[in-house]
C-alpha atoms as a PDB file:
ATOM      1  CA  MET A   1     -85.520 -42.187  89.325  1.00  0.00           C
ATOM      2  CA  PRO A   2     -82.940 -40.034  90.462  1.00  0.00           C
ATOM      3  CA  ASP A   3     -82.687 -36.548  90.034  1.00  0.00           C
ATOM      4  CA  ILE A   4     -80.517 -35.386  87.411  1.00  0.00           C
ATOM      5  CA  THR A   5     -81.408 -31.587  87.182  1.00  0.00           C
ATOM      6  CA  SER A   6     -78.889 -29.304  87.104  1.00  0.00           C
ATOM      7  CA  GLN A   7     -75.984 -32.055  87.080  1.00  0.00           C
ATOM      8  CA  PHE A   8     -72.437 -31.320  86.878  1.00  0.00           C
ATOM      9  CA  VAL A   9     -70.456 -32.953  83.900  1.00  0.00           C
ATOM     10  CA  ASP A  10     -67.014 -32.214  83.711  1.00  0.00           C
ATOM     11  CA  VAL A  11     -66.576 -32.380  79.772  1.00  0.00           C
ATOM     12  CA  ALA A  12     -63.105 -31.413  79.607  1.00  0.00           C
ATOM     13  CA  ALA A  13     -62.150 -34.380  81.802  1.00  0.00           C
ATOM     14  CA  TRP A  14     -64.084 -36.581  79.477  1.00  0.00           C
ATOM     15  CA  VAL A  15     -62.206 -35.470  76.202  1.00  0.00           C
ATOM     16  CA  ASP A  16     -58.825 -35.860  77.936  1.00  0.00           C
ATOM     17  CA  SER A  17     -59.581 -39.222  78.997  1.00  0.00           C
ATOM     18  CA  ASN A  18     -59.342 -40.522  75.472  1.00  0.00           C
ATOM     19  CA  ARG A  19     -55.218 -39.544  74.796  1.00  0.00           C
ATOM     20  CA  THR A  20     -54.201 -42.513  74.213  1.00  0.00           C
ATOM     21  CA  ASP A  21     -56.537 -42.512  70.753  1.00  0.00           C
ATOM     22  CA  PRO A  22     -55.379 -39.444  68.712  1.00  0.00           C
ATOM     23  CA  VAL A  23     -58.387 -39.589  66.411  1.00  0.00           C
ATOM     24  CA  ALA A  24     -60.831 -40.048  69.139  1.00  0.00           C
ATOM     25  CA  HIS A  25     -59.294 -37.507  71.217  1.00  0.00           C
ATOM     26  CA  ARG A  26     -59.838 -35.090  68.482  1.00  0.00           C
ATOM     27  CA  ARG A  27     -63.354 -35.953  67.828  1.00  0.00           C
ATOM     28  CA  ARG A  28     -64.211 -35.534  71.663  1.00  0.00           C
ATOM     29  CA  GLN A  29     -62.383 -32.221  71.450  1.00  0.00           C
ATOM     30  CA  ALA A  30     -64.940 -31.532  68.396  1.00  0.00           C
ATOM     31  CA  GLN A  31     -67.984 -32.424  70.807  1.00  0.00           C
ATOM     32  CA  HIS A  32     -66.474 -30.439  72.998  1.00  0.00           C
ATOM     33  CA  ILE A  33     -66.572 -27.253  70.637  1.00  0.00           C
ATOM     34  CA  VAL A  34     -70.141 -28.191  69.284  1.00  0.00           C
ATOM     35  CA  LEU A  35     -71.968 -28.656  73.632  1.00  0.00           C
ATOM     36  CA  ASN A  36     -70.773 -25.305  74.387  1.00  0.00           C
ATOM     37  CA  ALA A  37     -71.550 -23.634  70.927  1.00  0.00           C
ATOM     38  CA  ILE A  38     -75.026 -25.389  70.788  1.00  0.00           C
ATOM     39  CA  ALA A  39     -75.813 -24.259  74.862  1.00  0.00           C
ATOM     40  CA  ALA A  40     -74.422 -20.727  73.613  1.00  0.00           C
ATOM     41  CA  LEU A  41     -77.544 -20.888  71.280  1.00  0.00           C
ATOM     42  CA  HIS A  42     -80.162 -21.229  74.113  1.00  0.00           C
ATOM     43  CA  PRO A  43     -82.567 -19.626  74.756  1.00  0.00           C
ATOM     44  CA  SER A  44     -83.348 -18.330  71.024  1.00  0.00           C
ATOM     45  CA  TYR A  45     -82.521 -21.374  69.212  1.00  0.00           C
ATOM     46  CA  SER A  46     -83.331 -24.049  71.453  1.00  0.00           C
ATOM     47  CA  LEU A  47     -81.723 -27.470  71.120  1.00  0.00           C
ATOM     48  CA  TYR A  48     -82.338 -30.753  73.305  1.00  0.00           C
ATOM     49  CA  LEU A  49     -79.282 -33.550  73.648  1.00  0.00           C
ATOM     50  CA  LYS A  50     -80.441 -37.027  73.281  1.00  0.00           C
ATOM     51  CA  GLY A  51     -79.011 -40.020  71.818  1.00  0.00           C
ATOM     52  CA  GLY A  52     -75.702 -42.046  72.288  1.00  0.00           C
ATOM     53  CA  LEU A  53     -73.704 -38.624  73.631  1.00  0.00           C
ATOM     54  CA  LEU A  54     -76.316 -37.759  76.064  1.00  0.00           C
ATOM     55  CA  LEU A  55     -76.430 -41.619  77.489  1.00  0.00           C
ATOM     56  CA  GLY A  56     -72.354 -41.807  77.549  1.00  0.00           C
ATOM     57  CA  LEU A  57     -71.928 -38.242  79.848  1.00  0.00           C
ATOM     58  CA  ILE A  58     -74.978 -38.562  82.223  1.00  0.00           C
ATOM     59  CA  HIS A  59     -75.357 -41.792  82.124  1.00  0.00           C
ATOM     60  CA  GLN A  60     -71.744 -43.826  81.918  1.00  0.00           C
ATOM     61  CA  SER A  61     -73.172 -45.706  78.793  1.00  0.00           C
ATOM     62  CA  PRO A  62     -70.137 -47.443  76.925  1.00  0.00           C
ATOM     63  CA  ARG A  63     -71.912 -46.933  73.983  1.00  0.00           C
ATOM     64  CA  MET A  64     -71.190 -43.680  72.957  1.00  0.00           C
ATOM     65  CA  THR A  65     -71.224 -42.081  68.759  1.00  0.00           C
ATOM     66  CA  ILE A  66     -69.293 -39.231  67.194  1.00  0.00           C
ATOM     67  CA  ASP A  67     -72.733 -38.370  65.886  1.00  0.00           C
ATOM     68  CA  VAL A  68     -75.159 -35.638  68.267  1.00  0.00           C
ATOM     69  CA  ASP A  69     -78.352 -35.879  68.213  1.00  0.00           C
ATOM     70  CA  LEU A  70     -80.731 -33.082  69.266  1.00  0.00           C
ATOM     71  CA  THR A  71     -84.728 -31.882  68.841  1.00  0.00           C
ATOM     72  CA  ALA A  72     -84.703 -28.524  67.759  1.00  0.00           C
ATOM     73  CA  GLY A  73     -87.297 -26.224  70.419  1.00  0.00           C
ATOM     74  CA  PHE A  74     -88.085 -24.128  67.384  1.00  0.00           C
ATOM     75  CA  PRO A  75     -90.471 -24.538  64.087  1.00  0.00           C
ATOM     76  CA  ALA A  76     -88.986 -25.652  61.175  1.00  0.00           C
ATOM     77  CA  ARG A  77     -89.679 -22.548  58.512  1.00  0.00           C
ATOM     78  CA  ALA A  78     -88.557 -21.748  55.521  1.00  0.00           C
ATOM     79  CA  HIS A  79     -84.908 -21.546  55.252  1.00  0.00           C
ATOM     80  CA  ILE A  80     -84.289 -22.463  58.513  1.00  0.00           C
ATOM     81  CA  ASP A  81     -81.362 -24.782  57.394  1.00  0.00           C
ATOM     82  CA  LYS A  82     -79.817 -21.034  56.303  1.00  0.00           C
ATOM     83  CA  THR A  83     -80.485 -19.383  59.306  1.00  0.00           C
ATOM     84  CA  VAL A  84     -79.211 -22.307  61.836  1.00  0.00           C
ATOM     85  CA  HIS A  85     -76.157 -22.890  59.059  1.00  0.00           C
ATOM     86  CA  GLU A  86     -75.506 -18.584  60.668  1.00  0.00           C
ATOM     87  CA  VAL A  87     -76.014 -18.694  63.838  1.00  0.00           C
ATOM     88  CA  LEU A  88     -74.411 -21.885  64.703  1.00  0.00           C
ATOM     89  CA  ASN A  89     -71.536 -21.137  62.799  1.00  0.00           C
ATOM     90  CA  ASP A  90     -70.865 -17.814  64.447  1.00  0.00           C
ATOM     91  CA  ALA A  91     -70.760 -19.375  67.866  1.00  0.00           C
ATOM     92  CA  LEU A  92     -68.348 -22.528  67.012  1.00  0.00           C
ATOM     93  CA  GLN A  93     -65.152 -20.433  66.942  1.00  0.00           C
ATOM     94  CA  PRO A  94     -65.814 -18.381  69.928  1.00  0.00           C
ATOM     95  CA  ALA A  95     -66.847 -21.423  71.855  1.00  0.00           C
ATOM     96  CA  ALA A  96     -63.217 -23.271  70.425  1.00  0.00           C
ATOM     97  CA  ASP A  97     -61.414 -20.284  71.677  1.00  0.00           C
ATOM     98  CA  ARG A  98     -62.886 -19.835  75.176  1.00  0.00           C
ATOM     99  CA  LEU A  99     -62.355 -23.732  75.639  1.00  0.00           C
ATOM    100  CA  GLY A 100     -58.267 -23.217  75.111  1.00  0.00           C
ATOM    101  CA  TYR A 101     -58.149 -24.820  72.287  1.00  0.00           C
ATOM    102  CA  VAL A 102     -55.700 -23.326  70.719  1.00  0.00           C
ATOM    103  CA  GLY A 103     -55.016 -22.711  66.539  1.00  0.00           C
ATOM    104  CA  ALA A 104     -58.485 -24.895  66.528  1.00  0.00           C
ATOM    105  CA  GLN A 105     -60.701 -23.840  63.330  1.00  0.00           C
ATOM    106  CA  VAL A 106     -64.234 -25.137  63.414  1.00  0.00           C
ATOM    107  CA  GLU A 107     -67.095 -24.311  61.085  1.00  0.00           C
ATOM    108  CA  VAL A 108     -69.753 -25.831  59.833  1.00  0.00           C
ATOM    109  CA  GLU A 109     -69.088 -27.373  56.676  1.00  0.00           C
ATOM    110  CA  ARG A 110     -72.805 -27.749  55.161  1.00  0.00           C
ATOM    111  CA  VAL A 111     -76.308 -28.229  56.118  1.00  0.00           C
ATOM    112  CA  GLN A 112     -79.033 -30.906  54.952  1.00  0.00           C
ATOM    113  CA  THR A 113     -82.715 -31.002  54.773  1.00  0.00           C
ATOM    114  CA  ARG A 114     -84.412 -34.102  55.230  1.00  0.00           C
ATOM    115  CA  PRO A 115     -86.151 -35.785  54.256  1.00  0.00           C
ATOM    116  CA  ARG A 116     -84.408 -34.641  50.985  1.00  0.00           C
ATOM    117  CA  GLY A 117     -86.554 -33.333  47.746  1.00  0.00           C
ATOM    118  CA  ILE A 118     -89.270 -31.850  50.287  1.00  0.00           C
ATOM    119  CA  ASP A 119     -90.112 -28.444  51.463  1.00  0.00           C
ATOM    120  CA  ILE A 120     -89.010 -28.756  54.977  1.00  0.00           C
ATOM    121  CA  GLU A 121     -92.344 -26.902  55.905  1.00  0.00           C
ATOM    122  CA  GLU A 122     -94.140 -29.635  54.490  1.00  0.00           C
ATOM    123  CA  ALA A 123     -92.570 -32.868  55.884  1.00  0.00           C
ATOM    124  CA  ASP A 124     -94.103 -34.688  58.661  1.00  0.00           C
ATOM    125  CA  PHE A 125     -91.006 -35.146  60.420  1.00  0.00           C
ATOM    126  CA  PRO A 126     -88.481 -32.509  59.074  1.00  0.00           C
ATOM    127  CA  ALA A 127     -84.931 -32.691  60.569  1.00  0.00           C
ATOM    128  CA  LEU A 128     -81.288 -31.264  59.782  1.00  0.00           C
ATOM    129  CA  ARG A 129     -78.123 -33.080  59.187  1.00  0.00           C
ATOM    130  CA  ILE A 130     -75.126 -30.574  59.722  1.00  0.00           C
ATOM    131  CA  TRP A 131     -71.453 -31.511  59.755  1.00  0.00           C
ATOM    132  CA  ILE A 132     -69.041 -29.775  61.551  1.00  0.00           C
ATOM    133  CA  LEU A 133     -65.657 -29.499  60.049  1.00  0.00           C
ATOM    134  CA  TYR A 134     -62.542 -29.050  62.797  1.00  0.00           C
ATOM    135  CA  VAL A 135     -59.372 -28.790  62.041  1.00  0.00           C
ATOM    136  CA  SER A 136     -56.322 -28.906  64.366  1.00  0.00           C
ATOM    137  CA  GLY A 137     -53.019 -29.461  65.566  1.00  0.00           C
ATOM    138  CA  PRO A 138     -49.465 -27.903  64.748  1.00  0.00           C
ATOM    139  CA  ALA A 139     -48.736 -26.512  61.340  1.00  0.00           C
ATOM    140  CA  GLY A 140     -47.680 -28.636  58.856  1.00  0.00           C
ATOM    141  CA  ARG A 141     -49.621 -31.425  60.437  1.00  0.00           C
ATOM    142  CA  ARG A 142     -53.149 -30.174  60.725  1.00  0.00           C
ATOM    143  CA  LYS A 143     -55.670 -32.637  61.118  1.00  0.00           C
ATOM    144  CA  LYS A 144     -59.315 -32.750  59.700  1.00  0.00           C
ATOM    145  CA  ASP A 145     -61.947 -34.204  61.848  1.00  0.00           C
ATOM    146  CA  ARG A 146     -65.834 -34.051  61.421  1.00  0.00           C
ATOM    147  CA  VAL A 147     -68.825 -34.458  63.347  1.00  0.00           C
ATOM    148  CA  ARG A 148     -72.060 -34.455  62.305  1.00  0.00           C
ATOM    149  CA  LEU A 149     -75.172 -33.357  63.745  1.00  0.00           C
ATOM    150  CA  ASP A 150     -78.962 -34.751  63.528  1.00  0.00           C
ATOM    151  CA  VAL A 151     -81.577 -31.732  64.277  1.00  0.00           C
ATOM    152  CA  SER A 152     -85.122 -33.094  64.379  1.00  0.00           C
ATOM    153  CA  PHE A 153     -88.247 -30.925  64.426  1.00  0.00           C
ATOM    154  CA  SER A 154     -91.598 -31.365  65.296  1.00  0.00           C
ATOM    155  CA  GLU A 155     -91.272 -33.519  68.115  1.00  0.00           C
ATOM    156  CA  PRO A 156     -94.102 -33.786  71.260  1.00  0.00           C
ATOM    157  CA  ALA A 157     -93.468 -31.536  74.257  1.00  0.00           C
ATOM    158  CA  LEU A 158     -90.797 -32.988  76.143  1.00  0.00           C
ATOM    159  CA  HIS A 159     -92.102 -34.686  79.440  1.00  0.00           C
ATOM    160  CA  ARG A 160     -88.879 -32.975  81.645  1.00  0.00           C
ATOM    161  CA  ALA A 161     -85.869 -30.940  79.845  1.00  0.00           C
ATOM    162  CA  ASP A 162     -83.220 -31.423  82.104  1.00  0.00           C
ATOM    163  CA  VAL A 163     -79.958 -28.971  82.643  1.00  0.00           C
ATOM    164  CA  ILE A 164     -76.576 -29.995  82.727  1.00  0.00           C
ATOM    165  CA  ASP A 165     -73.391 -27.747  83.895  1.00  0.00           C
ATOM    166  CA  ILE A 166     -70.796 -28.217  80.947  1.00  0.00           C
ATOM    167  CA  GLY A 167     -68.085 -26.097  82.884  1.00  0.00           C
ATOM    168  CA  ASN A 168     -67.402 -22.709  83.266  1.00  0.00           C
ATOM    169  CA  GLY A 169     -71.317 -22.151  84.120  1.00  0.00           C
ATOM    170  CA  ILE A 170     -72.847 -23.117  80.836  1.00  0.00           C
ATOM    171  CA  GLU A 171     -75.473 -24.630  80.755  1.00  0.00           C
ATOM    172  CA  LEU A 172     -76.956 -27.278  78.236  1.00  0.00           C
ATOM    173  CA  HIS A 173     -80.330 -28.449  77.997  1.00  0.00           C
ATOM    174  CA  THR A 174     -81.001 -32.237  77.622  1.00  0.00           C
ATOM    175  CA  TYR A 175     -83.349 -35.058  77.407  1.00  0.00           C
ATOM    176  CA  SER A 176     -85.016 -36.436  80.844  1.00  0.00           C
ATOM    177  CA  LEU A 177     -84.344 -39.920  81.647  1.00  0.00           C
ATOM    178  CA  VAL A 178     -88.045 -40.391  81.277  1.00  0.00           C
ATOM    179  CA  ASP A 179     -88.007 -38.815  77.500  1.00  0.00           C
ATOM    180  CA  VAL A 180     -84.825 -40.655  76.945  1.00  0.00           C
ATOM    181  CA  ILE A 181     -86.661 -44.272  77.829  1.00  0.00           C
ATOM    182  CA  ALA A 182     -89.816 -43.143  76.009  1.00  0.00           C
ATOM    183  CA  GLU A 183     -88.575 -42.154  72.696  1.00  0.00           C
ATOM    184  CA  LYS A 184     -85.973 -45.401  72.625  1.00  0.00           C
ATOM    185  CA  TYR A 185     -89.181 -47.974  73.004  1.00  0.00           C
ATOM    186  CA  ARG A 186     -91.230 -45.041  70.420  1.00  0.00           C
ATOM    187  CA  ALA A 187     -88.083 -46.099  68.342  1.00  0.00           C
ATOM    188  CA  LEU A 188     -88.281 -49.914  68.806  1.00  0.00           C
ATOM    189  CA  LEU A 189     -91.305 -50.148  67.710  1.00  0.00           C
ATOM    190  CA  GLN A 190     -91.465 -47.734  64.651  1.00  0.00           C
ATOM    191  CA  GLN A 191     -88.951 -50.301  63.131  1.00  0.00           C
ATOM    192  CA  VAL A 192     -91.071 -52.161  61.191  1.00  0.00           C
ATOM    193  CA  VAL A 193     -92.961 -49.045  59.562  1.00  0.00           C
ATOM    194  CA  ARG A 194     -90.009 -47.657  58.890  1.00  0.00           C
ATOM    195  CA  ARG A 195     -87.823 -50.474  57.718  1.00  0.00           C
ATOM    196  CA  ARG A 196     -84.982 -49.632  60.014  1.00  0.00           C
ATOM    197  CA  THR A 197     -83.141 -51.799  62.560  1.00  0.00           C
ATOM    198  CA  ARG A 198     -82.806 -50.206  66.019  1.00  0.00           C
ATOM    199  CA  ARG A 199     -80.203 -52.566  67.484  1.00  0.00           C
ATOM    200  CA  GLN A 200     -78.447 -49.739  69.411  1.00  0.00           C
ATOM    201  CA  ASP A 201     -82.305 -48.924  71.152  1.00  0.00           C
ATOM    202  CA  VAL A 202     -82.608 -52.188  73.077  1.00  0.00           C
ATOM    203  CA  TYR A 203     -78.575 -51.936  73.925  1.00  0.00           C
ATOM    204  CA  ASP A 204     -79.323 -48.904  75.545  1.00  0.00           C
ATOM    205  CA  LEU A 205     -82.536 -49.601  77.444  1.00  0.00           C
ATOM    206  CA  ASP A 206     -81.052 -52.299  78.715  1.00  0.00           C
ATOM    207  CA  HIS A 207     -78.339 -50.273  80.851  1.00  0.00           C
ATOM    208  CA  LEU A 208     -80.553 -47.854  82.172  1.00  0.00           C
ATOM    209  CA  LEU A 209     -82.985 -50.651  83.116  1.00  0.00           C
ATOM    210  CA  ALA A 210     -80.470 -52.225  84.919  1.00  0.00           C
ATOM    211  CA  ARG A 211     -78.725 -48.691  85.759  1.00  0.00           C
ATOM    212  CA  TYR A 212     -81.900 -47.195  87.767  1.00  0.00           C
ATOM    213  CA  SER A 213     -84.367 -48.576  89.893  1.00  0.00           C
ATOM    214  CA  TYR A 214     -88.478 -47.134  88.843  1.00  0.00           C
ATOM    215  CA  ASP A 215     -91.309 -46.648  90.754  1.00  0.00           C
ATOM    216  CA  ILE A 216     -94.887 -46.608  89.638  1.00  0.00           C
ATOM    217  CA  ALA A 217     -94.887 -42.870  89.624  1.00  0.00           C
ATOM    218  CA  THR A 218     -91.997 -43.009  87.222  1.00  0.00           C
ATOM    219  CA  ARG A 219     -93.608 -45.920  85.119  1.00  0.00           C
ATOM    220  CA  ARG A 220     -96.636 -44.091  84.859  1.00  0.00           C
ATOM    221  CA  GLU A 221     -94.635 -41.162  83.572  1.00  0.00           C
ATOM    222  CA  ILE A 222     -92.630 -43.544  80.669  1.00  0.00           C
ATOM    223  CA  LEU A 223     -95.781 -44.803  80.136  1.00  0.00           C
ATOM    224  CA  MET A 224     -97.458 -41.852  79.276  1.00  0.00           C
ATOM    225  CA  THR A 225     -94.746 -39.618  77.337  1.00  0.00           C
ATOM    226  CA  MET A 226     -93.630 -42.970  75.110  1.00  0.00           C
ATOM    227  CA  ARG A 227     -97.875 -42.909  73.819  1.00  0.00           C
ATOM    228  CA  ASP A 228     -97.986 -39.543  73.142  1.00  0.00           C
ATOM    229  CA  LYS A 229     -94.329 -39.910  71.043  1.00  0.00           C
ATOM    230  CA  CYS A 230     -96.185 -42.966  69.112  1.00  0.00           C
ATOM    231  CA  ARG A 231     -99.067 -41.111  68.120  1.00  0.00           C
ATOM    232  CA  ALA A 232     -97.166 -38.802  67.122  1.00  0.00           C
ATOM    233  CA  ARG A 233     -95.552 -40.770  64.808  1.00  0.00           C
ATOM    234  CA  ARG A 234     -99.255 -42.374  64.029  1.00  0.00           C
ATOM    235  CA  ILE A 235     -98.282 -45.766  66.049  1.00  0.00           C
ATOM    236  CA  GLU A 236    -101.374 -47.144  68.399  1.00  0.00           C
ATOM    237  CA  ALA A 237     -98.814 -48.791  71.299  1.00  0.00           C
ATOM    238  CA  ASP A 238    -100.421 -51.230  73.567  1.00  0.00           C
ATOM    239  CA  VAL A 239     -99.132 -53.805  76.061  1.00  0.00           C
ATOM    240  CA  HIS A 240     -98.404 -56.515  73.442  1.00  0.00           C
ATOM    241  CA  SER A 241     -96.513 -53.848  70.435  1.00  0.00           C
ATOM    242  CA  LEU A 242     -92.759 -55.308  71.706  1.00  0.00           C
ATOM    243  CA  ASP A 243     -94.030 -58.752  71.169  1.00  0.00           C
ATOM    244  CA  ASP A 244     -94.156 -58.454  67.051  1.00  0.00           C
ATOM    245  CA  PRO A 245     -91.276 -61.131  66.024  1.00  0.00           C
ATOM    246  CA  GLU A 246     -90.433 -59.008  63.144  1.00  0.00           C
ATOM    247  CA  ILE A 247     -89.142 -56.212  66.057  1.00  0.00           C
ATOM    248  CA  ARG A 248     -87.101 -58.750  67.757  1.00  0.00           C
ATOM    249  CA  SER A 249     -85.900 -60.410  64.683  1.00  0.00           C
ATOM    250  CA  ARG A 250     -84.856 -56.888  63.290  1.00  0.00           C
ATOM    251  CA  VAL A 251     -82.664 -56.272  65.915  1.00  0.00           C
ATOM    252  CA  GLU A 252     -81.111 -59.572  66.536  1.00  0.00           C
ATOM    253  CA  GLY A 253     -80.048 -59.865  62.907  1.00  0.00           C
ATOM    254  CA  GLU A 254     -77.326 -56.766  63.476  1.00  0.00           C
ATOM    255  CA  TRP A 255     -76.981 -57.329  67.196  1.00  0.00           C
ATOM    256  CA  GLU A 256     -73.303 -58.521  66.929  1.00  0.00           C
ATOM    257  CA  LYS A 257     -72.055 -54.787  65.920  1.00  0.00           C
ATOM    258  CA  ILE A 258     -73.049 -53.829  69.277  1.00  0.00           C
ATOM    259  CA  ALA A 259     -69.361 -55.439  69.886  1.00  0.00           C
ATOM    260  CA  LEU A 260     -67.643 -52.946  67.342  1.00  0.00           C
ATOM    261  CA  GLU A 261     -69.433 -50.235  69.254  1.00  0.00           C
ATOM    262  CA  THR A 262     -68.541 -51.296  72.976  1.00  0.00           C
ATOM    263  CA  GLY A 263     -65.973 -53.596  73.048  1.00  0.00           C
ATOM    264  CA  ALA A 264     -68.122 -56.399  74.267  1.00  0.00           C
ATOM    265  CA  LEU A 265     -71.080 -58.101  73.525  1.00  0.00           C
ATOM    266  CA  PRO A 266     -73.985 -58.855  75.904  1.00  0.00           C
ATOM    267  CA  ALA A 267     -76.398 -61.599  75.407  1.00  0.00           C
ATOM    268  CA  PHE A 268     -79.133 -60.754  73.026  1.00  0.00           C
ATOM    269  CA  ASP A 269     -81.852 -62.781  74.467  1.00  0.00           C
ATOM    270  CA  GLN A 270     -81.222 -61.594  77.896  1.00  0.00           C
ATOM    271  CA  CYS A 271     -81.203 -58.032  76.754  1.00  0.00           C
ATOM    272  CA  PHE A 272     -84.156 -58.167  74.952  1.00  0.00           C
ATOM    273  CA  GLU A 273     -86.188 -60.207  77.101  1.00  0.00           C
ATOM    274  CA  ALA A 274     -85.572 -57.159  80.324  1.00  0.00           C
ATOM    275  CA  VAL A 275     -86.538 -54.481  77.907  1.00  0.00           C
ATOM    276  CA  ARG A 276     -89.879 -56.578  76.626  1.00  0.00           C
ATOM    277  CA  ARG A 277     -89.935 -57.283  80.193  1.00  0.00           C
ATOM    278  CA  PHE A 278     -90.434 -54.016  81.528  1.00  0.00           C
ATOM    279  CA  TYR A 279     -92.599 -52.761  78.830  1.00  0.00           C
ATOM    280  CA  ARG A 280     -94.672 -55.175  79.347  1.00  0.00           C
ATOM    281  CA  ALA A 281     -94.722 -54.422  83.356  1.00  0.00           C
ATOM    282  CA  LEU A 282     -95.846 -50.807  82.762  1.00  0.00           C
ATOM    283  CA  PRO A 283     -98.978 -49.692  84.064  1.00  0.00           C
ATOM    284  CA  TRP A 284    -101.094 -50.316  80.633  1.00  0.00           C
ATOM    285  CA  ASP A 285    -104.418 -51.393  82.743  1.00  0.00           C
ATOM    286  CA  GLU A 286    -104.066 -47.335  84.327  1.00  0.00           C
ATOM    287  CA  SER A 287    -103.708 -45.733  80.892  1.00  0.00           C
ATOM    288  CA  GLY A 288    -106.078 -44.655  78.478  1.00  0.00           C
END
């Protein structure tokens, strides 16, 4: 497995590479500002990047969303929604100014606790959903765009947090490759319990498994980390868990939507089988 710790990522170049699509370009500008603001909060409010944006920036996945998925390294205490609203809002506009987005205005529009209607301190798996409003463009032609942040709490400790330099020495903390793969397998196995469909995880896993090689030590780390993540969600994973036909049918039922997200539609059977084969080949006989 490659060592991606302390890697430099030219986020400014990534933003500019999408100038032909004005809407996508503005959204990338907003994401650029958000990433810089999040980095400025560390270590008091540590947030670790994961999800589609991380896969696009680090692992060159063609599937990137405008949402920013994060795990919090601090607890979901009372009024954490108000605290995060305040500290993040204070960091956003200075980040836009540092990055040279002249005339841009950026602020936290609203923060919602999840699950809704439950005290966040009492929820099993609390989260925050945050909407960021980004206003840009010349006077008379101002455009409004929004980026959504999903922040999850009470996650198991990361196997390893990577650090990436996103420009000007600004460091952003992210999930390691081991944690990304382990979490995506956990999400696949949890589909049936949560009655959700996770087509993107099969696509992402197939991309990551084909992109890198994995020695036996790394496979042990993936299995150990995945089982920890599963147990935190009250799932006992075993070598046969991914053979559940309902998992396969849930993913296959929405597989065609991958084409809308990536511009291409890989063969479902080939992708799912690669993901299942890697899962079954993990060193289960060594794991308790």
